[in-house]
Amino acid sequence: MPTRILLVDDNRDATEALALLLEFEGHEVRYACDGGEAFSVVESFVPQVAFIDWNLPDMSGGDVVARLRLNPALSGTRFISLSGLSLPDSQQDAAGAGFEQSITKPATLEQLLACL
């Protein structure tokens, strides 16, 4: 069954490539390269799952999740941190920020699909 996925990462090339892979798997994907763009995307697209990088150019991934959680339309969205930070503290920070799960980059397609 297709899943609606939001990818938020400042590496545009990697994000576009990942979006294509997930679309090839049959999912509906939108992406943003910063928090502000993510807020714009969710005005017309309600993701079931959102993979969000911790380090964004305009705010932290934790700030993005906190603000997205204020949107009642996203109450069923699962938020997953997808970050290059792999320290235990960063995973605790992600959990404290409202992420249900943390995945360390580089992630495999299988790891991402397992979150759906």
N, C-alpha and C. Protein backbone atom coordinates (compact mmCIF):
# COMPACT_ATOMS: atom_id res chain seq x y z
N MET A 1 0.84 -1.18 0.00
CA MET A 1 0.00 0.00 0.00
C MET A 1 0.89 1.25 0.00
N PRO A 2 0.61 2.21 -0.87
CA PRO A 2 1.44 3.43 -0.92
C PRO A 2 1.32 4.25 0.36
N THR A 3 2.43 4.84 0.73
CA THR A 3 2.49 5.70 1.90
C THR A 3 2.84 7.10 1.44
N ARG A 4 2.22 8.11 2.06
CA ARG A 4 2.56 9.51 1.80
C ARG A 4 3.74 9.87 2.69
N ILE A 5 4.84 10.29 2.06
CA ILE A 5 6.10 10.52 2.78
C ILE A 5 6.58 11.95 2.54
N LEU A 6 7.02 12.59 3.62
CA LEU A 6 7.69 13.89 3.54
C LEU A 6 9.15 13.70 3.92
N LEU A 7 10.05 14.20 3.07
CA LEU A 7 11.48 14.19 3.34
C LEU A 7 11.91 15.64 3.57
N VAL A 8 12.62 15.89 4.65
CA VAL A 8 13.13 17.24 4.92
C VAL A 8 14.63 17.13 5.18
N ASP A 9 15.42 17.64 4.24
CA ASP A 9 16.88 17.57 4.34
C ASP A 9 17.47 18.67 3.47
N ASP A 10 18.52 19.31 3.95
CA ASP A 10 19.11 20.41 3.19
C ASP A 10 19.99 19.96 2.02
N ASN A 11 20.27 18.68 1.90
CA ASN A 11 21.04 18.17 0.76
C ASN A 11 20.05 17.84 -0.36
N ARG A 12 19.82 18.82 -1.22
CA ARG A 12 18.79 18.70 -2.26
C ARG A 12 19.03 17.49 -3.17
N ASP A 13 20.25 17.29 -3.63
CA ASP A 13 20.52 16.18 -4.54
C ASP A 13 20.20 14.83 -3.91
N ALA A 14 20.66 14.63 -2.68
CA ALA A 14 20.40 13.36 -1.99
C ALA A 14 18.90 13.19 -1.72
N THR A 15 18.23 14.28 -1.39
CA THR A 15 16.80 14.21 -1.09
C THR A 15 16.01 13.89 -2.34
N GLU A 16 16.35 14.51 -3.46
CA GLU A 16 15.67 14.21 -4.72
C GLU A 16 15.89 12.76 -5.12
N ALA A 17 17.11 12.26 -4.95
CA ALA A 17 17.41 10.86 -5.29
C ALA A 17 16.61 9.91 -4.41
N LEU A 18 16.56 10.20 -3.11
CA LEU A 18 15.80 9.35 -2.19
C LEU A 18 14.31 9.40 -2.52
N ALA A 19 13.81 10.58 -2.87
CA ALA A 19 12.40 10.70 -3.25
C ALA A 19 12.10 9.83 -4.46
N LEU A 20 12.99 9.83 -5.45
CA LEU A 20 12.79 9.00 -6.64
C LEU A 20 12.78 7.51 -6.30
N LEU A 21 13.69 7.09 -5.41
CA LEU A 21 13.72 5.68 -5.00
C LEU A 21 12.42 5.28 -4.31
N LEU A 22 11.95 6.13 -3.41
CA LEU A 22 10.71 5.83 -2.68
C LEU A 22 9.50 5.85 -3.61
N GLU A 23 9.50 6.76 -4.59
CA GLU A 23 8.42 6.79 -5.58
C GLU A 23 8.45 5.53 -6.43
N PHE A 24 9.65 5.07 -6.78
CA PHE A 24 9.80 3.84 -7.54
C PHE A 24 9.20 2.65 -6.78
N GLU A 25 9.27 2.72 -5.45
CA GLU A 25 8.69 1.68 -4.60
C GLU A 25 7.17 1.82 -4.48
N GLY A 26 6.61 2.88 -5.10
CA GLY A 26 5.17 3.05 -5.13
C GLY A 26 4.61 4.06 -4.14
N HIS A 27 5.47 4.81 -3.47
CA HIS A 27 5.01 5.77 -2.46
C HIS A 27 4.85 7.16 -3.05
N GLU A 28 4.04 7.97 -2.40
CA GLU A 28 3.84 9.35 -2.79
C GLU A 28 4.76 10.20 -1.92
N VAL A 29 5.66 10.94 -2.54
CA VAL A 29 6.71 11.63 -1.80
C VAL A 29 6.74 13.12 -2.15
N ARG A 30 6.90 13.93 -1.13
CA ARG A 30 7.18 15.35 -1.28
C ARG A 30 8.43 15.63 -0.45
N TYR A 31 9.17 16.66 -0.83
CA TYR A 31 10.37 16.97 -0.05
C TYR A 31 10.55 18.47 0.11
N ALA A 32 11.32 18.80 1.11
CA ALA A 32 11.64 20.19 1.43
C ALA A 32 13.10 20.23 1.86
N CYS A 33 13.74 21.37 1.65
CA CYS A 33 15.16 21.50 2.00
C CYS A 33 15.41 22.35 3.24
N ASP A 34 14.34 22.81 3.88
CA ASP A 34 14.47 23.51 5.16
C ASP A 34 13.11 23.49 5.86
N GLY A 35 13.09 23.98 7.08
CA GLY A 35 11.86 23.95 7.85
C GLY A 35 10.74 24.76 7.22
N GLY A 36 11.07 25.98 6.77
CA GLY A 36 10.06 26.83 6.17
C GLY A 36 9.39 26.18 4.97
N GLU A 37 10.19 25.53 4.15
CA GLU A 37 9.65 24.84 2.98
C GLU A 37 8.78 23.65 3.42
N ALA A 38 9.18 22.98 4.48
CA ALA A 38 8.38 21.85 4.99
C ALA A 38 7.00 22.34 5.42
N PHE A 39 6.93 23.49 6.09
CA PHE A 39 5.65 24.02 6.53
C PHE A 39 4.76 24.34 5.33
N SER A 40 5.36 24.82 4.25
CA SER A 40 4.60 25.10 3.04
C SER A 40 4.07 23.81 2.40
N VAL A 41 4.90 22.78 2.37
CA VAL A 41 4.50 21.51 1.76
C VAL A 41 3.28 20.92 2.47
N VAL A 42 3.27 20.95 3.81
CA VAL A 42 2.17 20.31 4.54
C VAL A 42 0.86 21.10 4.47
N GLU A 43 0.89 22.27 3.87
CA GLU A 43 -0.37 23.00 3.67
C GLU A 43 -1.26 22.27 2.67
N SER A 44 -0.65 21.52 1.74
CA SER A 44 -1.42 20.81 0.72
C SER A 44 -1.13 19.31 0.66
N PHE A 45 -0.30 18.81 1.56
CA PHE A 45 0.10 17.40 1.56
C PHE A 45 0.23 16.92 3.00
N VAL A 46 -0.57 15.93 3.37
CA VAL A 46 -0.53 15.40 4.73
C VAL A 46 0.23 14.07 4.71
N PRO A 47 1.47 14.08 5.19
CA PRO A 47 2.27 12.84 5.16
C PRO A 47 1.85 11.88 6.27
N GLN A 48 2.00 10.60 5.97
CA GLN A 48 1.82 9.58 7.00
C GLN A 48 3.12 9.40 7.78
N VAL A 49 4.24 9.62 7.08
CA VAL A 49 5.58 9.49 7.67
C VAL A 49 6.41 10.69 7.21
N ALA A 50 7.18 11.26 8.13
CA ALA A 50 8.08 12.36 7.78
C ALA A 50 9.48 12.01 8.28
N PHE A 51 10.43 11.96 7.36
CA PHE A 51 11.85 11.77 7.69
C PHE A 51 12.47 13.17 7.70
N ILE A 52 13.01 13.59 8.84
CA ILE A 52 13.50 14.95 8.98
C ILE A 52 14.93 14.95 9.51
N ASP A 53 15.79 15.66 8.80
CA ASP A 53 17.18 15.82 9.22
C ASP A 53 17.22 16.73 10.45
N TRP A 54 18.18 16.50 11.31
CA TRP A 54 18.31 17.31 12.52
C TRP A 54 18.91 18.68 12.21
N ASN A 55 19.90 18.71 11.32
CA ASN A 55 20.60 19.97 11.01
C ASN A 55 20.07 20.56 9.71
N LEU A 56 19.22 21.56 9.86
CA LEU A 56 18.66 22.27 8.72
C LEU A 56 19.18 23.70 8.73
N PRO A 57 19.19 24.37 7.58
CA PRO A 57 19.77 25.72 7.54
C PRO A 57 19.00 26.78 8.32
N ASP A 58 17.69 26.61 8.49
CA ASP A 58 16.91 27.66 9.13
C ASP A 58 16.47 27.34 10.55
N MET A 59 16.51 26.08 10.94
CA MET A 59 16.12 25.68 12.30
C MET A 59 16.49 24.22 12.49
N SER A 60 16.39 23.73 13.71
CA SER A 60 16.72 22.32 13.96
C SER A 60 15.53 21.44 13.55
N GLY A 61 15.83 20.18 13.28
CA GLY A 61 14.76 19.23 12.99
C GLY A 61 13.79 19.12 14.16
N GLY A 62 14.30 19.27 15.37
CA GLY A 62 13.43 19.24 16.55
C GLY A 62 12.44 20.39 16.54
N ASP A 63 12.89 21.57 16.12
CA ASP A 63 11.99 22.72 16.02
C ASP A 63 10.93 22.49 14.94
N VAL A 64 11.35 21.86 13.84
CA VAL A 64 10.40 21.56 12.76
C VAL A 64 9.32 20.62 13.26
N VAL A 65 9.73 19.55 13.94
CA VAL A 65 8.75 18.58 14.46
C VAL A 65 7.82 19.24 15.47
N ALA A 66 8.37 20.03 16.37
CA ALA A 66 7.53 20.68 17.37
C ALA A 66 6.45 21.53 16.71
N ARG A 67 6.83 22.26 15.68
CA ARG A 67 5.84 23.11 15.00
C ARG A 67 4.85 22.28 14.19
N LEU A 68 5.33 21.22 13.52
CA LEU A 68 4.43 20.38 12.74
C LEU A 68 3.42 19.67 13.64
N ARG A 69 3.84 19.32 14.84
CA ARG A 69 2.92 18.63 15.77
C ARG A 69 1.78 19.55 16.23
N LEU A 70 1.90 20.83 16.04
CA LEU A 70 0.83 21.77 16.38
C LEU A 70 -0.31 21.73 15.35
N ASN A 71 -0.03 21.16 14.19
CA ASN A 71 -1.02 21.07 13.11
C ASN A 71 -1.90 19.84 13.34
N PRO A 72 -3.18 20.02 13.64
CA PRO A 72 -4.06 18.88 13.91
C PRO A 72 -4.14 17.89 12.76
N ALA A 73 -3.96 18.35 11.53
CA ALA A 73 -4.02 17.46 10.37
C ALA A 73 -2.88 16.43 10.39
N LEU A 74 -1.81 16.73 11.15
CA LEU A 74 -0.65 15.85 11.19
C LEU A 74 -0.63 14.97 12.44
N SER A 75 -1.75 14.88 13.12
CA SER A 75 -1.79 14.11 14.37
C SER A 75 -1.46 12.63 14.16
N GLY A 76 -1.67 12.11 12.98
CA GLY A 76 -1.36 10.70 12.70
C GLY A 76 -0.01 10.49 12.02
N THR A 77 0.74 11.56 11.83
CA THR A 77 2.04 11.46 11.15
C THR A 77 3.10 10.91 12.09
N ARG A 78 3.90 9.97 11.59
CA ARG A 78 5.05 9.46 12.34
C ARG A 78 6.27 10.27 11.93
N PHE A 79 6.98 10.81 12.91
CA PHE A 79 8.15 11.63 12.66
C PHE A 79 9.41 10.83 12.99
N ILE A 80 10.31 10.75 11.99
CA ILE A 80 11.53 9.97 12.14
C ILE A 80 12.73 10.85 11.84
N SER A 81 13.67 10.90 12.76
CA SER A 81 14.89 11.66 12.57
C SER A 81 15.80 10.87 11.62
N LEU A 82 16.27 11.54 10.59
CA LEU A 82 17.21 10.96 9.64
C LEU A 82 18.41 11.88 9.62
N SER A 83 19.44 11.53 10.37
CA SER A 83 20.53 12.47 10.60
C SER A 83 21.89 11.80 10.52
N GLY A 84 22.89 12.60 10.22
CA GLY A 84 24.27 12.12 10.22
C GLY A 84 24.84 12.01 11.62
N LEU A 85 24.12 12.53 12.61
CA LEU A 85 24.57 12.44 14.00
C LEU A 85 24.23 11.06 14.55
N SER A 86 25.23 10.37 15.07
CA SER A 86 24.97 9.02 15.56
C SER A 86 25.29 8.84 17.04
N LEU A 87 25.54 9.92 17.72
CA LEU A 87 25.86 9.83 19.15
C LEU A 87 24.62 9.50 19.96
N PRO A 88 24.74 8.76 21.03
CA PRO A 88 23.58 8.44 21.86
C PRO A 88 22.82 9.69 22.32
N ASP A 89 23.56 10.77 22.64
CA ASP A 89 22.89 12.00 23.06
C ASP A 89 22.00 12.56 21.96
N SER A 90 22.45 12.45 20.71
CA SER A 90 21.64 13.00 19.61
C SER A 90 20.37 12.19 19.44
N GLN A 91 20.43 10.89 19.69
CA GLN A 91 19.20 10.07 19.61
C GLN A 91 18.26 10.42 20.76
N GLN A 92 18.81 10.69 21.94
CA GLN A 92 17.97 11.11 23.06
C GLN A 92 17.35 12.47 22.77
N ASP A 93 18.14 13.37 22.15
CA ASP A 93 17.62 14.68 21.78
C ASP A 93 16.47 14.52 20.79
N ALA A 94 16.64 13.62 19.83
CA ALA A 94 15.60 13.40 18.83
C ALA A 94 14.32 12.87 19.48
N ALA A 95 14.47 11.93 20.40
CA ALA A 95 13.29 11.40 21.10
C ALA A 95 12.63 12.49 21.93
N GLY A 96 13.42 13.31 22.58
CA GLY A 96 12.88 14.40 23.38
C GLY A 96 12.20 15.46 22.54
N ALA A 97 12.60 15.57 21.27
CA ALA A 97 12.00 16.56 20.37
C ALA A 97 10.71 16.07 19.75
N GLY A 98 10.38 14.81 19.95
CA GLY A 98 9.11 14.31 19.42
C GLY A 98 9.24 13.34 18.26
N PHE A 99 10.46 12.92 17.95
CA PHE A 99 10.64 11.90 16.92
C PHE A 99 10.32 10.53 17.51
N GLU A 100 9.61 9.70 16.76
CA GLU A 100 9.32 8.34 17.22
C GLU A 100 10.52 7.41 17.05
N GLN A 101 11.40 7.76 16.12
CA GLN A 101 12.51 6.87 15.80
C GLN A 101 13.65 7.71 15.24
N SER A 102 14.87 7.18 15.34
CA SER A 102 16.05 7.84 14.76
C SER A 102 16.79 6.87 13.86
N ILE A 103 17.17 7.36 12.71
CA ILE A 103 17.98 6.58 11.77
C ILE A 103 19.21 7.42 11.45
N THR A 104 20.36 6.77 11.44
CA THR A 104 21.61 7.45 11.15
C THR A 104 21.94 7.33 9.67
N LYS A 105 22.35 8.45 9.07
CA LYS A 105 22.80 8.45 7.68
C LYS A 105 24.20 7.87 7.61
N PRO A 106 24.55 7.25 6.54
CA PRO A 106 23.70 6.97 5.39
C PRO A 106 22.78 5.79 5.69
N ALA A 107 21.52 5.98 5.40
CA ALA A 107 20.54 4.93 5.63
C ALA A 107 20.32 4.14 4.34
N THR A 108 20.01 2.88 4.51
CA THR A 108 19.69 2.06 3.35
C THR A 108 18.21 2.21 3.04
N LEU A 109 17.86 1.90 1.82
CA LEU A 109 16.45 1.93 1.42
C LEU A 109 15.65 0.97 2.29
N GLU A 110 16.23 -0.15 2.62
CA GLU A 110 15.55 -1.14 3.45
C GLU A 110 15.23 -0.58 4.84
N GLN A 111 16.17 0.18 5.42
CA GLN A 111 15.92 0.80 6.73
C GLN A 111 14.75 1.77 6.66
N LEU A 112 14.71 2.55 5.58
CA LEU A 112 13.62 3.52 5.44
C LEU A 112 12.29 2.81 5.21
N LEU A 113 12.28 1.81 4.36
CA LEU A 113 11.04 1.09 4.07
C LEU A 113 10.53 0.37 5.31
N ALA A 114 11.42 -0.06 6.18
CA ALA A 114 11.01 -0.74 7.41
C ALA A 114 10.25 0.22 8.34
N CYS A 115 10.43 1.51 8.17
CA CYS A 115 9.74 2.50 9.01
C CYS A 115 8.31 2.76 8.53
N LEU A 116 8.00 2.29 7.35
CA LEU A 116 6.68 2.56 6.80
C LEU A 116 5.71 1.52 7.29
